Amino acid sequence: MKITVIGASAGIGLETVYRALDRNHKITALSRSEITIDHSNFQSISGSATNRTDLLDALEGADAVIVTLGTGTSTKATTLFSDFAKLLVDIQAEKALDIPFVLVTGFGAGESIHFVPEPVRQMMETVLKDVYADKSKMEEIIEGTEMNWIIVRPGLLLDGPLTQEYIIEDQLYKGIEVGEINRTDVADFLVKQAEEPKKTKTYYTIRSKR
């Protein structure tokens, strides 16, 4: 199948590209910097996820879309996530794209902030407040549509190897464990949801079995 990865130059996005190629998919990657991967099934588009022309080019012919936008180490206020969501919703409605849209935010976005352990929540409500506020706006915008969306909220991201051993939760509850998860394993879950969604219009929490 043909999968578009938005925000693919680093982190979960780049791992998603590698994992999807390993599973024999054709990949179109959109990012602000060109990605150099020598593979016949890979196409890189240098552009912005908030530019209509760039996003339309990236979505052309896609069977599924995976969104792994990030701000790197920046904790400054941003509208990246909400601006992208508004544009994506407009394009999806215009084009009537009946395909899965799998988006990554983070545990602490939306209502999940109420289930974050207190010491971590204090940091998220101070240092990461502005970034997560905009991630929450993206969730709200996407949730209010008829898109076939799946939103994935990982916990602390690590650079470990692929294990395919992780736990998925689709409900929030008191005492829920989040913990750590390798970026490679998040990527594995994203690609598998793009291939065959377990359930759309659903929020998932993902954590390592360790």
Protein backbone atom coordinates (compact mmCIF):
# COMPACT_ATOMS: atom_id res chain seq x y z
CA MET A 1 0.00 0.00 0.00
CA LYS A 2 1.01 3.64 -0.32
CA ILE A 3 1.54 5.42 3.00
CA THR A 4 2.20 9.11 3.48
CA VAL A 5 4.25 10.08 6.54
CA ILE A 6 3.96 13.71 7.64
CA GLY A 7 6.87 14.99 9.73
CA ALA A 8 9.26 12.23 8.78
CA SER A 9 12.77 13.62 9.10
CA ALA A 10 13.58 12.46 12.64
CA GLY A 11 12.37 10.61 15.71
CA ILE A 12 9.21 8.54 15.41
CA GLY A 13 8.63 9.83 11.88
CA LEU A 14 11.91 8.54 10.51
CA GLU A 15 11.50 5.24 12.34
CA THR A 16 8.03 4.97 10.80
CA VAL A 17 9.47 5.39 7.33
CA TYR A 18 12.03 2.64 7.96
CA ARG A 19 9.43 0.31 9.44
CA ALA A 20 6.98 0.85 6.60
CA LEU A 21 9.68 0.20 4.02
CA ASP A 22 10.63 -2.98 5.89
CA ARG A 23 7.00 -4.06 5.49
CA ASN A 24 7.15 -3.45 1.72
CA HIS A 25 5.03 -0.31 1.52
CA LYS A 26 5.50 2.62 -0.83
CA ILE A 27 6.28 5.71 1.20
CA THR A 28 5.88 9.42 0.52
CA ALA A 29 7.50 11.46 3.28
CA LEU A 30 6.78 15.16 3.83
CA SER A 31 9.18 17.19 5.98
CA ARG A 32 10.86 20.57 6.00
CA SER A 33 14.20 18.95 5.23
CA GLU A 34 14.85 16.40 2.51
CA ILE A 35 15.29 12.83 3.66
CA THR A 36 17.94 10.84 1.85
CA ILE A 37 17.00 7.17 1.73
CA ASP A 38 18.11 5.05 -1.21
CA HIS A 39 15.07 2.84 -1.73
CA SER A 40 12.89 2.32 -4.79
CA ASN A 41 9.71 2.58 -2.70
CA PHE A 42 10.64 5.89 -1.09
CA GLN A 43 9.83 9.44 -2.15
CA SER A 44 10.77 12.53 -0.16
CA ILE A 45 8.93 15.85 -0.48
CA SER A 46 10.60 18.89 1.07
CA GLY A 47 7.87 21.18 2.27
CA SER A 48 5.64 22.29 5.09
CA ALA A 49 2.76 20.37 6.62
CA THR A 50 0.90 23.67 6.91
CA ASN A 51 1.30 24.59 3.24
CA ARG A 52 -1.72 23.52 1.20
CA THR A 53 0.19 22.73 -2.00
CA ASP A 54 2.86 20.71 -0.19
CA LEU A 55 0.30 18.74 1.80
CA LEU A 56 -1.82 18.03 -1.27
CA ASP A 57 1.24 16.72 -3.09
CA ALA A 58 2.07 14.43 -0.18
CA LEU A 59 -1.47 13.08 0.12
CA GLU A 60 -1.84 12.29 -3.58
CA GLY A 61 -2.77 8.63 -4.00
CA ALA A 62 -2.25 7.73 -0.34
CA ASP A 63 -3.96 4.65 1.09
CA ALA A 64 -3.19 5.80 4.64
CA VAL A 65 -1.60 8.79 6.37
CA ILE A 66 0.63 8.76 9.44
CA VAL A 67 1.27 12.08 11.19
CA THR A 68 4.35 12.39 13.41
CA LEU A 69 4.80 16.15 13.59
CA GLY A 70 7.08 17.49 16.29
CA THR A 71 8.89 20.60 17.45
CA GLY A 72 12.14 18.86 18.37
CA THR A 73 13.54 20.14 21.65
CA SER A 74 11.71 23.47 21.42
CA THR A 75 9.26 24.27 24.21
CA LYS A 76 8.16 27.59 22.73
CA ALA A 77 4.51 28.34 22.02
CA THR A 78 3.45 26.97 18.65
CA THR A 79 0.43 26.63 16.39
CA LEU A 80 2.03 23.94 14.21
CA PHE A 81 -0.25 21.13 15.32
CA SER A 82 -3.54 23.02 15.21
CA ASP A 83 -2.72 24.80 11.93
CA PHE A 84 -1.90 21.46 10.35
CA ALA A 85 -5.08 19.87 11.70
CA LYS A 86 -7.28 22.64 10.27
CA LEU A 87 -5.66 22.30 6.86
CA LEU A 88 -5.87 18.51 6.89
CA VAL A 89 -9.55 18.59 7.83
CA ASP A 90 -10.30 21.04 4.99
CA ILE A 91 -8.45 18.90 2.44
CA GLN A 92 -10.02 15.66 3.67
CA ALA A 93 -13.51 17.14 3.42
CA GLU A 94 -12.81 18.55 -0.02
CA LYS A 95 -11.27 15.35 -1.38
CA ALA A 96 -13.52 12.95 0.58
CA LEU A 97 -10.51 10.87 1.58
CA ASP A 98 -11.90 7.67 3.08
CA ILE A 99 -8.57 6.40 4.42
CA PRO A 100 -7.03 5.94 7.88
CA PHE A 101 -5.31 8.93 9.47
CA VAL A 102 -3.00 7.85 12.30
CA LEU A 103 -1.68 10.75 14.39
CA VAL A 104 0.83 10.88 17.24
CA THR A 105 0.47 13.40 20.06
CA GLY A 106 1.68 12.31 23.50
CA PHE A 107 0.42 11.17 26.87
CA GLY A 108 -0.51 14.41 28.57
CA ALA A 109 -2.44 15.82 25.62
CA GLY A 110 -6.17 16.33 25.96
CA GLU A 111 -7.91 14.63 28.84
CA SER A 112 -4.94 12.30 29.39
CA ILE A 113 -3.22 15.10 31.37
CA HIS A 114 -5.47 14.17 34.29
CA PHE A 115 -3.92 10.69 34.38
CA VAL A 116 -0.26 11.75 34.32
CA PRO A 117 1.65 11.15 37.60
CA GLU A 118 1.91 14.34 39.65
CA PRO A 119 5.67 15.07 39.28
CA VAL A 120 5.47 14.62 35.51
CA ARG A 121 2.26 16.61 35.28
CA GLN A 122 3.89 19.58 36.99
CA MET A 123 6.58 19.62 34.31
CA MET A 124 4.03 19.27 31.52
CA GLU A 125 1.94 22.10 32.91
CA THR A 126 4.97 24.38 33.09
CA VAL A 127 7.87 23.55 30.75
CA LEU A 128 5.81 21.76 28.08
CA LYS A 129 2.57 23.65 28.62
CA ASP A 130 2.46 25.56 25.32
CA VAL A 131 3.48 22.64 23.10
CA TYR A 132 0.96 20.29 24.68
CA ALA A 133 -1.77 22.93 24.56
CA ASP A 134 -1.44 22.98 20.78
CA LYS A 135 -1.27 19.18 20.56
CA SER A 136 -4.53 19.14 22.52
CA LYS A 137 -6.06 21.58 20.03
CA MET A 138 -5.06 19.25 17.20
CA GLU A 139 -6.80 16.39 18.96
CA GLU A 140 -9.95 18.45 19.42
CA ILE A 141 -10.03 19.51 15.77
CA ILE A 142 -9.51 15.98 14.46
CA GLU A 143 -11.93 14.39 16.94
CA GLY A 144 -14.74 16.65 15.78
CA THR A 145 -14.67 15.31 12.22
CA GLU A 146 -15.87 12.22 10.36
CA MET A 147 -12.32 11.30 9.40
CA ASN A 148 -11.14 7.75 10.05
CA TRP A 149 -8.76 8.96 12.74
CA ILE A 150 -6.63 7.17 15.28
CA ILE A 151 -4.66 9.20 17.83
CA VAL A 152 -1.71 7.56 19.58
CA ARG A 153 -0.35 8.90 22.87
CA PRO A 154 3.03 7.39 23.79
CA GLY A 155 4.79 8.05 27.06
CA LEU A 156 8.53 8.68 27.47
CA LEU A 157 10.26 7.94 24.17
CA LEU A 158 13.48 5.95 24.01
CA ASP A 159 15.90 5.07 21.20
CA GLY A 160 15.93 1.33 21.81
CA PRO A 161 15.60 -1.44 19.20
CA LEU A 162 12.38 -2.81 17.80
CA THR A 163 10.84 -5.37 20.17
CA GLN A 164 7.19 -5.52 19.00
CA GLU A 165 6.43 -6.10 22.67
CA TYR A 166 4.18 -3.30 23.85
CA ILE A 167 0.87 -2.78 25.57
CA ILE A 168 -1.98 -0.81 24.03
CA GLU A 169 -4.79 0.79 26.03
CA ASP A 170 -7.88 2.40 24.51
CA GLN A 171 -9.32 3.70 27.78
CA LEU A 172 -8.06 6.09 30.43
CA TYR A 173 -8.44 5.06 34.07
CA LYS A 174 -7.01 5.85 37.48
CA GLY A 175 -3.63 4.16 37.90
CA ILE A 176 -3.04 3.63 34.18
CA GLU A 177 0.63 2.88 33.52
CA VAL A 178 2.35 4.78 30.76
CA GLY A 179 6.09 4.57 31.31
CA GLU A 180 8.59 4.22 28.47
CA ILE A 181 8.37 3.05 24.87
CA ASN A 182 10.94 2.76 22.11
CA ARG A 183 10.35 4.99 19.11
CA THR A 184 10.82 1.92 16.94
CA ASP A 185 7.91 0.19 18.66
CA VAL A 186 5.67 3.25 18.34
CA ALA A 187 6.52 3.24 14.63
CA ASP A 188 5.64 -0.44 14.40
CA PHE A 189 2.21 0.21 15.90
CA LEU A 190 1.56 3.20 13.65
CA VAL A 191 2.35 1.25 10.50
CA LYS A 192 0.21 -1.70 11.56
CA GLN A 193 -2.72 0.62 12.28
CA ALA A 194 -2.29 2.20 8.85
CA GLU A 195 -2.36 -1.28 7.32
CA GLU A 196 -5.40 -2.51 9.22
CA PRO A 197 -6.92 -0.21 11.84
CA LYS A 198 -8.14 -2.04 14.94
CA LYS A 199 -10.72 0.67 15.58
CA THR A 200 -11.02 4.19 14.23
CA LYS A 201 -12.07 7.33 16.12
CA THR A 202 -10.04 5.97 19.01
CA TYR A 203 -7.29 7.19 21.33
CA TYR A 204 -4.55 4.71 22.16
CA THR A 205 -1.94 4.79 24.89
CA ILE A 206 1.17 2.73 24.13
CA ARG A 207 3.88 1.52 26.52
CA SER A 208 6.56 -1.11 26.67
CA LYS A 209 5.83 -4.48 28.29
CA ARG A 210 9.06 -4.14 30.26
